[in-house]
Protein backbone atom coordinates (compact mmCIF):
# COMPACT_ATOMS: atom_id res chain seq x y z
CA MET A 1 22.54 0.74 15.39
CA ASP A 2 19.20 -1.25 15.14
CA GLU A 3 18.02 -2.92 11.96
CA GLU A 4 15.20 -0.36 11.45
CA ASN A 5 17.67 2.55 11.29
CA LYS A 6 20.06 1.10 8.94
CA LYS A 7 20.70 2.88 5.76
CA VAL A 8 22.50 0.03 4.03
CA TYR A 9 22.27 -3.79 3.79
CA GLU A 10 25.44 -5.88 3.97
CA ALA A 11 25.80 -9.09 2.02
CA GLU A 12 24.83 -11.08 5.02
CA ASP A 13 21.40 -9.01 5.37
CA ILE A 14 20.58 -9.72 1.55
CA GLN A 15 21.42 -13.50 2.16
CA LYS A 16 18.89 -13.78 4.96
CA ILE A 17 16.21 -11.79 3.25
CA LEU A 18 16.38 -13.78 0.02
CA LYS A 19 17.12 -17.03 1.74
CA ILE A 20 20.22 -17.90 -0.44
CA GLY A 21 23.58 -19.24 0.13
CA LYS A 22 26.71 -17.29 0.75
CA ASN A 23 28.15 -17.85 -2.64
CA LYS A 24 24.98 -17.15 -4.43
CA VAL A 25 24.42 -13.83 -2.81
CA TYR A 26 27.94 -12.57 -3.70
CA ASP A 27 27.47 -13.75 -7.23
CA PHE A 28 24.10 -11.95 -7.30
CA LEU A 29 25.41 -8.64 -5.91
CA GLU A 30 28.37 -8.75 -8.32
CA ASP A 31 26.02 -9.24 -11.31
CA VAL A 32 23.80 -6.37 -10.04
CA TYR A 33 26.76 -4.07 -9.45
CA SER A 34 28.38 -5.00 -12.87
CA ASN A 35 25.10 -4.52 -14.77
CA THR A 36 23.40 -1.85 -12.77
CA HIS A 37 20.04 -3.22 -12.71
CA PHE A 38 17.34 -4.00 -10.28
CA PHE A 39 18.75 -1.81 -7.34
CA LYS A 40 21.87 0.11 -6.35
CA VAL A 41 24.92 -1.76 -5.14
CA ILE A 42 28.12 -0.09 -3.63
CA LYS A 43 31.35 -1.98 -3.83
CA ILE A 44 34.11 -0.99 -1.44
CA GLY A 45 37.20 -3.19 -2.10
CA LYS A 46 35.61 -6.67 -1.64
CA LEU A 47 32.72 -5.43 0.49
CA TYR A 48 29.16 -4.84 -0.84
CA ARG A 49 26.79 -2.27 0.53
CA VAL A 50 23.05 -2.07 -0.77
CA PRO A 51 21.11 1.10 0.12
CA LYS A 52 18.24 -0.13 2.04
CA LYS A 53 15.53 2.03 0.37
CA SER A 54 16.91 0.97 -3.21
CA PHE A 55 16.73 -2.77 -2.25
CA ASP A 56 13.28 -2.70 -0.46
CA ASP A 57 11.89 -0.64 -3.24
CA TRP A 58 12.90 -3.47 -5.72
CA LEU A 59 11.90 -6.23 -3.59
CA ASN A 60 8.57 -4.84 -2.98
CA SER A 61 7.82 -3.91 -6.59
CA GLU A 62 4.95 -5.21 -8.39
CA GLU A 63 6.77 -5.82 -11.62
């Protein structure tokens, strides 16, 4: 599946978009998941999935 048709981002995608390290992205996603702020994070075992629309809306918000 090409990047444009993805419905969810993986941790590695968020890492590249935000230009942060691997440990930092996992800490960030765990924080967002635990505190349910910023955008939606789905955790499946040790894997994180972030709905693309939720993340993109947060990233592009003016606030």
